[in-house]
Amino acid sequence: MASAENNAIVSDQLSKSAQSVQDVLSAKGLKVDVKELSESTRTAEEAAKTLGCEVAQIAKSLIFQTNSNRPILVIASGANRVNEKTLAKLVKEKIKRATPEFCREATGFAIGGIPPVGHKQNIDTYIDEDLLQHEKIWAAAGTPNAVFCLNSKNIQDLTGGKVISIK
């Protein structure tokens, strides 16, 4: 299976979106490198195949929209589906999957490249407890081809998210 180190980097310069994620990660003191790859990492399955890791190690950043138009971020294991009823109980409001336009407005990023950090506004964040079972996890970094790897123990401090069971 291929690993991220074996995949061709798109260019030496990161795109604007990927660079903004790299800047946030660096400002938070994490020594991780955003990589832009020649193969897509848009879905958890594509990312796992491209990176040579388990689907469960992919940190999917999913945006939901409450009835009051508040964005909610769930950082889910690539192997899991979010139980929307459970999430609605946690946020004490009905929720729905956010539209692409709402996602971009709330985060500054397009679906398929939404990172767990660096959003345009503060977003209540929930982290899938199953991600913490893996030492290393991979997250999107601003584009469908940009990713970064971090130790799962850093995700809560990085995002300020609350660890929950999302299944």
N, C-alpha and C. Protein backbone atom coordinates (compact mmCIF):
# COMPACT_ATOMS: atom_id res chain seq x y z
N MET A 1 0.85 -1.19 0.00
CA MET A 1 0.00 0.00 0.00
C MET A 1 0.89 1.24 0.00
N ALA A 2 0.51 2.27 -0.69
CA ALA A 2 1.28 3.51 -0.78
C ALA A 2 1.25 4.27 0.53
N SER A 3 2.26 5.07 0.75
CA SER A 3 2.23 5.96 1.92
C SER A 3 2.36 7.39 1.44
N ALA A 4 2.01 8.33 2.31
CA ALA A 4 2.03 9.75 1.92
C ALA A 4 3.41 10.16 1.45
N GLU A 5 4.45 9.59 2.03
CA GLU A 5 5.80 9.96 1.64
C GLU A 5 6.10 9.56 0.21
N ASN A 6 5.39 8.54 -0.31
CA ASN A 6 5.64 8.06 -1.67
C ASN A 6 4.80 8.78 -2.72
N ASN A 7 3.79 9.52 -2.29
CA ASN A 7 2.94 10.22 -3.25
C ASN A 7 3.59 11.53 -3.66
N ALA A 8 3.44 11.86 -4.94
CA ALA A 8 4.07 13.07 -5.45
C ALA A 8 3.42 14.31 -4.84
N ILE A 9 4.25 15.23 -4.40
CA ILE A 9 3.77 16.51 -3.90
C ILE A 9 3.40 17.34 -5.12
N VAL A 10 2.25 18.04 -5.05
CA VAL A 10 1.78 18.82 -6.19
C VAL A 10 2.80 19.89 -6.56
N SER A 11 3.31 20.61 -5.57
CA SER A 11 4.34 21.62 -5.83
C SER A 11 5.08 21.91 -4.53
N ASP A 12 6.18 22.65 -4.64
CA ASP A 12 6.94 23.02 -3.44
C ASP A 12 6.17 24.05 -2.61
N GLN A 13 5.37 24.86 -3.27
CA GLN A 13 4.58 25.89 -2.60
C GLN A 13 3.19 25.35 -2.30
N LEU A 14 2.74 25.55 -1.05
CA LEU A 14 1.38 25.15 -0.71
C LEU A 14 0.39 26.14 -1.31
N SER A 15 -0.80 25.66 -1.65
CA SER A 15 -1.86 26.56 -2.09
C SER A 15 -2.22 27.49 -0.94
N LYS A 16 -2.94 28.54 -1.25
CA LYS A 16 -3.32 29.53 -0.24
C LYS A 16 -4.08 28.89 0.92
N SER A 17 -5.05 28.03 0.61
CA SER A 17 -5.84 27.38 1.65
C SER A 17 -4.99 26.46 2.52
N ALA A 18 -4.16 25.64 1.88
CA ALA A 18 -3.30 24.73 2.63
C ALA A 18 -2.28 25.50 3.47
N GLN A 19 -1.75 26.59 2.93
CA GLN A 19 -0.79 27.41 3.68
C GLN A 19 -1.46 28.02 4.92
N SER A 20 -2.73 28.42 4.79
CA SER A 20 -3.42 29.01 5.94
C SER A 20 -3.57 27.97 7.05
N VAL A 21 -3.81 26.71 6.70
CA VAL A 21 -3.88 25.65 7.70
C VAL A 21 -2.51 25.41 8.31
N GLN A 22 -1.48 25.37 7.49
CA GLN A 22 -0.11 25.20 8.00
C GLN A 22 0.23 26.31 8.99
N ASP A 23 -0.16 27.54 8.67
CA ASP A 23 0.12 28.67 9.55
C ASP A 23 -0.57 28.52 10.91
N VAL A 24 -1.83 28.05 10.91
CA VAL A 24 -2.56 27.83 12.16
C VAL A 24 -1.89 26.73 12.98
N LEU A 25 -1.52 25.64 12.34
CA LEU A 25 -0.86 24.54 13.04
C LEU A 25 0.46 24.99 13.65
N SER A 26 1.24 25.76 12.89
CA SER A 26 2.52 26.27 13.40
C SER A 26 2.30 27.23 14.56
N ALA A 27 1.30 28.11 14.44
CA ALA A 27 1.00 29.08 15.51
C ALA A 27 0.57 28.38 16.80
N LYS A 28 -0.02 27.20 16.66
CA LYS A 28 -0.45 26.44 17.84
C LYS A 28 0.69 25.57 18.39
N GLY A 29 1.87 25.68 17.80
CA GLY A 29 3.03 24.98 18.31
C GLY A 29 3.18 23.54 17.86
N LEU A 30 2.37 23.11 16.90
CA LEU A 30 2.50 21.74 16.40
C LEU A 30 3.54 21.67 15.30
N LYS A 31 4.40 20.70 15.39
CA LYS A 31 5.43 20.50 14.37
C LYS A 31 4.94 19.43 13.40
N VAL A 32 3.96 19.82 12.60
CA VAL A 32 3.42 18.93 11.57
C VAL A 32 3.49 19.67 10.24
N ASP A 33 3.60 18.90 9.18
CA ASP A 33 3.71 19.50 7.84
C ASP A 33 2.49 19.16 7.01
N VAL A 34 1.86 20.19 6.47
CA VAL A 34 0.79 20.01 5.50
C VAL A 34 1.43 19.54 4.21
N LYS A 35 0.82 18.53 3.60
CA LYS A 35 1.30 18.00 2.33
C LYS A 35 0.17 18.11 1.31
N GLU A 36 0.51 18.55 0.11
CA GLU A 36 -0.45 18.53 -0.99
C GLU A 36 -0.03 17.41 -1.93
N LEU A 37 -0.92 16.48 -2.12
CA LEU A 37 -0.62 15.27 -2.88
C LEU A 37 -1.23 15.32 -4.26
N SER A 38 -0.69 14.50 -5.16
CA SER A 38 -1.21 14.45 -6.52
C SER A 38 -2.49 13.64 -6.61
N GLU A 39 -2.76 12.80 -5.60
CA GLU A 39 -3.99 12.00 -5.60
C GLU A 39 -4.99 12.60 -4.62
N SER A 40 -6.26 12.41 -4.90
CA SER A 40 -7.33 12.98 -4.08
C SER A 40 -7.41 12.36 -2.70
N THR A 41 -7.72 13.20 -1.73
CA THR A 41 -8.02 12.74 -0.37
C THR A 41 -9.38 13.29 0.05
N ARG A 42 -10.24 13.52 -0.94
CA ARG A 42 -11.56 14.16 -0.72
C ARG A 42 -12.48 13.34 0.19
N THR A 43 -12.50 12.01 0.01
CA THR A 43 -13.31 11.16 0.87
C THR A 43 -12.39 10.37 1.80
N ALA A 44 -12.96 9.83 2.86
CA ALA A 44 -12.15 9.03 3.80
C ALA A 44 -11.53 7.83 3.10
N GLU A 45 -12.29 7.19 2.21
CA GLU A 45 -11.78 6.03 1.50
C GLU A 45 -10.62 6.41 0.57
N GLU A 46 -10.79 7.52 -0.17
CA GLU A 46 -9.71 7.99 -1.06
C GLU A 46 -8.48 8.36 -0.24
N ALA A 47 -8.70 9.03 0.87
CA ALA A 47 -7.58 9.46 1.71
C ALA A 47 -6.82 8.26 2.24
N ALA A 48 -7.53 7.28 2.77
CA ALA A 48 -6.86 6.10 3.32
C ALA A 48 -6.05 5.37 2.25
N LYS A 49 -6.63 5.24 1.06
CA LYS A 49 -5.93 4.57 -0.04
C LYS A 49 -4.68 5.37 -0.43
N THR A 50 -4.83 6.67 -0.57
CA THR A 50 -3.72 7.53 -0.97
C THR A 50 -2.61 7.54 0.10
N LEU A 51 -3.01 7.58 1.37
CA LEU A 51 -2.05 7.71 2.47
C LEU A 51 -1.50 6.38 2.96
N GLY A 52 -2.15 5.29 2.59
CA GLY A 52 -1.69 3.99 3.05
C GLY A 52 -1.98 3.75 4.52
N CYS A 53 -3.15 4.19 4.97
CA CYS A 53 -3.54 3.99 6.36
C CYS A 53 -4.93 3.39 6.41
N GLU A 54 -5.41 3.11 7.61
CA GLU A 54 -6.77 2.60 7.79
C GLU A 54 -7.77 3.74 7.62
N VAL A 55 -8.96 3.42 7.11
CA VAL A 55 -10.02 4.42 6.97
C VAL A 55 -10.33 5.03 8.34
N ALA A 56 -10.26 4.23 9.40
CA ALA A 56 -10.56 4.71 10.75
C ALA A 56 -9.58 5.79 11.23
N GLN A 57 -8.41 5.92 10.59
CA GLN A 57 -7.42 6.94 10.96
C GLN A 57 -7.67 8.28 10.28
N ILE A 58 -8.64 8.34 9.40
CA ILE A 58 -8.96 9.58 8.71
C ILE A 58 -9.92 10.39 9.59
N ALA A 59 -9.56 11.62 9.87
CA ALA A 59 -10.39 12.53 10.68
C ALA A 59 -11.25 13.35 9.71
N LYS A 60 -12.51 12.94 9.55
CA LYS A 60 -13.43 13.65 8.67
C LYS A 60 -13.96 14.88 9.40
N SER A 61 -13.82 16.05 8.81
CA SER A 61 -14.40 17.28 9.38
C SER A 61 -15.74 17.52 8.69
N LEU A 62 -16.82 17.30 9.44
CA LEU A 62 -18.17 17.41 8.91
C LEU A 62 -18.89 18.59 9.55
N ILE A 63 -19.50 19.42 8.73
CA ILE A 63 -20.22 20.58 9.22
C ILE A 63 -21.73 20.30 9.18
N PHE A 64 -22.36 20.57 10.31
CA PHE A 64 -23.81 20.49 10.43
C PHE A 64 -24.33 21.89 10.71
N GLN A 65 -25.61 22.08 10.44
CA GLN A 65 -26.25 23.38 10.62
C GLN A 65 -27.45 23.19 11.55
N THR A 66 -27.50 24.02 12.60
CA THR A 66 -28.65 23.94 13.51
C THR A 66 -29.80 24.76 12.94
N ASN A 67 -30.96 24.59 13.55
CA ASN A 67 -32.14 25.37 13.11
C ASN A 67 -31.90 26.87 13.25
N SER A 68 -31.06 27.26 14.19
CA SER A 68 -30.76 28.69 14.38
C SER A 68 -29.56 29.13 13.53
N ASN A 69 -29.17 28.29 12.55
CA ASN A 69 -28.07 28.58 11.62
C ASN A 69 -26.70 28.64 12.29
N ARG A 70 -26.53 27.90 13.35
CA ARG A 70 -25.23 27.80 14.02
C ARG A 70 -24.48 26.61 13.41
N PRO A 71 -23.21 26.81 13.02
CA PRO A 71 -22.44 25.68 12.50
C PRO A 71 -21.94 24.79 13.64
N ILE A 72 -21.94 23.50 13.41
CA ILE A 72 -21.41 22.52 14.35
C ILE A 72 -20.41 21.67 13.57
N LEU A 73 -19.21 21.50 14.12
CA LEU A 73 -18.18 20.68 13.49
C LEU A 73 -18.07 19.36 14.24
N VAL A 74 -18.13 18.27 13.49
CA VAL A 74 -17.87 16.95 14.05
C VAL A 74 -16.63 16.41 13.35
N ILE A 75 -15.64 16.06 14.15
CA ILE A 75 -14.43 15.43 13.61
C ILE A 75 -14.59 13.94 13.87
N ALA A 76 -14.97 13.23 12.82
CA ALA A 76 -15.35 11.82 12.93
C ALA A 76 -14.29 10.91 12.34
N SER A 77 -14.18 9.73 12.91
CA SER A 77 -13.35 8.70 12.32
C SER A 77 -13.92 8.37 10.95
N GLY A 78 -13.06 8.18 9.98
CA GLY A 78 -13.48 7.86 8.62
C GLY A 78 -14.31 6.60 8.54
N ALA A 79 -14.23 5.74 9.54
CA ALA A 79 -14.98 4.49 9.54
C ALA A 79 -16.39 4.65 10.10
N ASN A 80 -16.69 5.80 10.69
CA ASN A 80 -17.97 5.99 11.38
C ASN A 80 -18.90 6.96 10.67
N ARG A 81 -20.19 6.75 10.93
CA ARG A 81 -21.23 7.69 10.50
C ARG A 81 -21.69 8.43 11.74
N VAL A 82 -22.03 9.69 11.58
CA VAL A 82 -22.51 10.49 12.70
C VAL A 82 -23.99 10.18 12.93
N ASN A 83 -24.33 9.87 14.18
CA ASN A 83 -25.73 9.70 14.55
C ASN A 83 -26.29 11.10 14.79
N GLU A 84 -27.05 11.59 13.82
CA GLU A 84 -27.53 12.97 13.87
C GLU A 84 -28.51 13.21 15.01
N LYS A 85 -29.24 12.18 15.42
CA LYS A 85 -30.16 12.33 16.56
C LYS A 85 -29.38 12.55 17.85
N THR A 86 -28.29 11.81 18.02
CA THR A 86 -27.43 11.98 19.19
C THR A 86 -26.80 13.36 19.19
N LEU A 87 -26.34 13.79 18.05
CA LEU A 87 -25.73 15.11 17.93
C LEU A 87 -26.74 16.21 18.24
N ALA A 88 -27.95 16.08 17.74
CA ALA A 88 -29.01 17.07 18.00
C ALA A 88 -29.29 17.18 19.50
N LYS A 89 -29.29 16.05 20.20
CA LYS A 89 -29.50 16.08 21.65
C LYS A 89 -28.37 16.82 22.35
N LEU A 90 -27.15 16.60 21.90
CA LEU A 90 -25.99 17.28 22.50
C LEU A 90 -26.04 18.79 22.31
N VAL A 91 -26.42 19.24 21.13
CA VAL A 91 -26.44 20.68 20.84
C VAL A 91 -27.77 21.33 21.20
N LYS A 92 -28.74 20.47 21.63
CA LYS A 92 -30.06 20.95 22.08
C LYS A 92 -30.81 21.73 21.01
N GLU A 93 -30.65 21.26 19.77
CA GLU A 93 -31.32 21.88 18.62
C GLU A 93 -31.39 20.86 17.51
N LYS A 94 -32.37 20.99 16.65
CA LYS A 94 -32.41 20.15 15.46
C LYS A 94 -31.25 20.55 14.57
N ILE A 95 -30.73 19.55 13.86
CA ILE A 95 -29.60 19.80 12.95
C ILE A 95 -29.87 19.17 11.60
N LYS A 96 -29.10 19.62 10.63
CA LYS A 96 -29.11 19.00 9.30
C LYS A 96 -27.70 19.13 8.74
N ARG A 97 -27.43 18.33 7.73
CA ARG A 97 -26.15 18.46 7.02
C ARG A 97 -26.09 19.84 6.39
N ALA A 98 -24.98 20.49 6.52
CA ALA A 98 -24.84 21.83 5.97
C ALA A 98 -24.66 21.78 4.45
N THR A 99 -25.14 22.81 3.79
CA THR A 99 -24.96 22.93 2.35
C THR A 99 -23.51 23.32 2.06
N PRO A 100 -23.05 23.10 0.85
CA PRO A 100 -21.69 23.53 0.50
C PRO A 100 -21.49 25.03 0.74
N GLU A 101 -22.50 25.83 0.46
CA GLU A 101 -22.39 27.28 0.65
C GLU A 101 -22.26 27.63 2.13
N PHE A 102 -23.05 26.97 2.98
CA PHE A 102 -22.99 27.21 4.42
C PHE A 102 -21.62 26.79 4.96
N CYS A 103 -21.11 25.66 4.49
CA CYS A 103 -19.78 25.18 4.92
C CYS A 103 -18.70 26.21 4.60
N ARG A 104 -18.72 26.71 3.37
CA ARG A 104 -17.70 27.68 2.96
C ARG A 104 -17.83 28.97 3.76
N GLU A 105 -19.08 29.41 3.99
CA GLU A 105 -19.31 30.63 4.74
C GLU A 105 -18.81 30.50 6.18
N ALA A 106 -19.07 29.35 6.81
CA ALA A 106 -18.69 29.14 8.21
C ALA A 106 -17.20 28.87 8.39
N THR A 107 -16.61 28.11 7.44
CA THR A 107 -15.23 27.67 7.62
C THR A 107 -14.22 28.40 6.75
N GLY A 108 -14.66 28.84 5.58
CA GLY A 108 -13.72 29.40 4.61
C GLY A 108 -13.17 28.34 3.67
N PHE A 109 -13.64 27.10 3.82
CA PHE A 109 -13.13 25.99 3.03
C PHE A 109 -14.28 25.25 2.37
N ALA A 110 -13.97 24.57 1.25
CA ALA A 110 -14.97 23.77 0.53
C ALA A 110 -15.04 22.37 1.11
N ILE A 111 -16.20 21.75 0.98
CA ILE A 111 -16.38 20.36 1.40
C ILE A 111 -15.33 19.50 0.68
N GLY A 112 -14.76 18.57 1.41
CA GLY A 112 -13.71 17.71 0.86
C GLY A 112 -12.33 18.18 1.26
N GLY A 113 -12.24 19.40 1.78
CA GLY A 113 -10.95 19.92 2.23
C GLY A 113 -11.04 20.65 3.56
N ILE A 114 -12.19 20.53 4.24
CA ILE A 114 -12.38 21.26 5.50
C ILE A 114 -11.45 20.70 6.57
N PRO A 115 -10.58 21.54 7.10
CA PRO A 115 -9.68 21.10 8.15
C PRO A 115 -10.35 21.19 9.53
N PRO A 116 -9.77 20.60 10.55
CA PRO A 116 -10.34 20.71 11.89
C PRO A 116 -10.05 22.06 12.55
N VAL A 117 -9.22 22.89 11.95
CA VAL A 117 -8.83 24.19 12.51
C VAL A 117 -8.76 25.26 11.42
N GLY A 118 -8.65 26.52 11.84
CA GLY A 118 -8.41 27.60 10.88
C GLY A 118 -9.66 28.14 10.22
N HIS A 119 -10.80 27.98 10.86
CA HIS A 119 -12.07 28.41 10.26
C HIS A 119 -12.28 29.91 10.38
N LYS A 120 -13.19 30.43 9.55
CA LYS A 120 -13.51 31.86 9.55
C LYS A 120 -14.17 32.31 10.85
N GLN A 121 -14.87 31.41 11.52
CA GLN A 121 -15.54 31.75 12.77
C GLN A 121 -15.34 30.63 13.77
N ASN A 122 -15.57 30.93 15.05
CA ASN A 122 -15.50 29.89 16.07
C ASN A 122 -16.68 28.95 15.88
N ILE A 123 -16.39 27.66 15.93
CA ILE A 123 -17.40 26.65 15.69
C ILE A 123 -17.36 25.64 16.84
N ASP A 124 -18.52 25.36 17.43
CA ASP A 124 -18.60 24.31 18.44
C ASP A 124 -18.16 23.02 17.79
N THR A 125 -17.24 22.32 18.45
CA THR A 125 -16.60 21.15 17.85
C THR A 125 -16.75 19.92 18.73
N TYR A 126 -17.06 18.80 18.10
CA TYR A 126 -17.19 17.51 18.76
C TYR A 126 -16.26 16.52 18.07
N ILE A 127 -15.55 15.72 18.87
CA ILE A 127 -14.56 14.78 18.36
C ILE A 127 -15.02 13.36 18.63
N ASP A 128 -15.02 12.54 17.62
CA ASP A 128 -15.36 11.13 17.72
C ASP A 128 -14.34 10.43 18.61
N GLU A 129 -14.82 9.82 19.69
CA GLU A 129 -13.93 9.13 20.62
C GLU A 129 -13.13 8.02 19.93
N ASP A 130 -13.66 7.45 18.86
CA ASP A 130 -12.96 6.36 18.17
C ASP A 130 -11.65 6.82 17.53
N LEU A 131 -11.53 8.11 17.21
CA LEU A 131 -10.26 8.61 16.65
C LEU A 131 -9.12 8.45 17.64
N LEU A 132 -9.43 8.54 18.92
CA LEU A 132 -8.40 8.49 19.96
C LEU A 132 -7.82 7.08 20.14
N GLN A 133 -8.40 6.09 19.49
CA GLN A 133 -7.87 4.73 19.54
C GLN A 133 -6.63 4.55 18.68
N HIS A 134 -6.37 5.52 17.82
CA HIS A 134 -5.24 5.44 16.89
C HIS A 134 -4.18 6.45 17.30
N GLU A 135 -2.92 6.03 17.26
CA GLU A 135 -1.85 6.96 17.62
C GLU A 135 -1.78 8.10 16.61
N LYS A 136 -1.76 7.77 15.34
CA LYS A 136 -1.67 8.77 14.27
C LYS A 136 -3.00 8.87 13.53
N ILE A 137 -3.39 10.11 13.26
CA ILE A 137 -4.58 10.35 12.46
C ILE A 137 -4.23 11.36 11.37
N TRP A 138 -5.01 11.35 10.29
CA TRP A 138 -4.81 12.24 9.16
C TRP A 138 -6.04 13.12 9.00
N ALA A 139 -5.83 14.40 8.76
CA ALA A 139 -6.94 15.35 8.59
C ALA A 139 -6.73 16.17 7.32
N ALA A 140 -7.84 16.66 6.78
CA ALA A 140 -7.79 17.54 5.62
C ALA A 140 -7.12 18.85 6.01
N ALA A 141 -6.52 19.49 5.02
CA ALA A 141 -5.77 20.72 5.28
C ALA A 141 -6.12 21.83 4.29
N GLY A 142 -7.41 21.99 4.00
CA GLY A 142 -7.83 23.14 3.22
C GLY A 142 -8.17 22.92 1.77
N THR A 143 -7.74 21.79 1.19
CA THR A 143 -8.08 21.45 -0.19
C THR A 143 -8.34 19.95 -0.25
N PRO A 144 -8.98 19.45 -1.31
CA PRO A 144 -9.22 18.01 -1.43
C PRO A 144 -7.96 17.17 -1.57
N ASN A 145 -6.80 17.79 -1.76
CA ASN A 145 -5.55 17.06 -1.90
C ASN A 145 -4.55 17.37 -0.77
N ALA A 146 -4.93 18.21 0.17
CA ALA A 146 -4.00 18.61 1.24
C ALA A 146 -4.37 17.90 2.54
N VAL A 147 -3.35 17.38 3.21
CA VAL A 147 -3.55 16.64 4.47
C VAL A 147 -2.41 16.95 5.43
N PHE A 148 -2.66 16.60 6.69
CA PHE A 148 -1.59 16.60 7.67
C PHE A 148 -1.82 15.45 8.64
N CYS A 149 -0.75 14.96 9.22
CA CYS A 149 -0.79 13.86 10.16
C CYS A 149 -0.46 14.41 11.54
N LEU A 150 -1.20 13.95 12.55
CA LEU A 150 -0.88 14.35 13.91
C LEU A 150 -1.17 13.22 14.86
N ASN A 151 -0.61 13.32 16.04
CA ASN A 151 -0.89 12.36 17.08
C ASN A 151 -2.30 12.62 17.58
N SER A 152 -3.09 11.58 17.71
CA SER A 152 -4.49 11.75 18.09
C SER A 152 -4.65 12.44 19.45
N LYS A 153 -3.65 12.29 20.32
CA LYS A 153 -3.77 12.93 21.64
C LYS A 153 -3.75 14.47 21.54
N ASN A 154 -3.35 15.01 20.37
CA ASN A 154 -3.30 16.46 20.19
C ASN A 154 -4.58 17.07 19.64
N ILE A 155 -5.51 16.24 19.16
CA ILE A 155 -6.68 16.77 18.46
C ILE A 155 -7.59 17.59 19.37
N GLN A 156 -7.74 17.18 20.63
CA GLN A 156 -8.63 17.92 21.52
C GLN A 156 -8.05 19.29 21.87
N ASP A 157 -6.76 19.34 22.20
CA ASP A 157 -6.13 20.64 22.48
C ASP A 157 -6.12 21.53 21.25
N LEU A 158 -5.88 20.94 20.10
CA LEU A 158 -5.80 21.69 18.85
C LEU A 158 -7.13 22.36 18.52
N THR A 159 -8.22 21.65 18.73
CA THR A 159 -9.54 22.14 18.30
C THR A 159 -10.41 22.71 19.41
N GLY A 160 -10.09 22.37 20.65
CA GLY A 160 -10.96 22.75 21.76
C GLY A 160 -12.26 21.97 21.75
N GLY A 161 -12.27 20.86 21.04
CA GLY A 161 -13.47 20.05 20.89
C GLY A 161 -13.76 19.17 22.09
N LYS A 162 -15.00 18.72 22.17
CA LYS A 162 -15.46 17.82 23.22
C LYS A 162 -15.50 16.43 22.64
N VAL A 163 -14.89 15.47 23.34
CA VAL A 163 -14.85 14.08 22.89
C VAL A 163 -16.19 13.41 23.23
N ILE A 164 -16.80 12.80 22.19
CA ILE A 164 -18.11 12.16 22.36
C ILE A 164 -18.16 10.86 21.57
N SER A 165 -19.19 10.07 21.84
CA SER A 165 -19.51 8.91 21.00
C SER A 165 -20.47 9.42 19.93
N ILE A 166 -20.09 9.31 18.67
CA ILE A 166 -20.93 9.84 17.60
C ILE A 166 -21.81 8.78 16.95
N LYS A 167 -21.58 7.51 17.28
CA LYS A 167 -22.30 6.42 16.62
C LYS A 167 -23.69 6.26 17.18
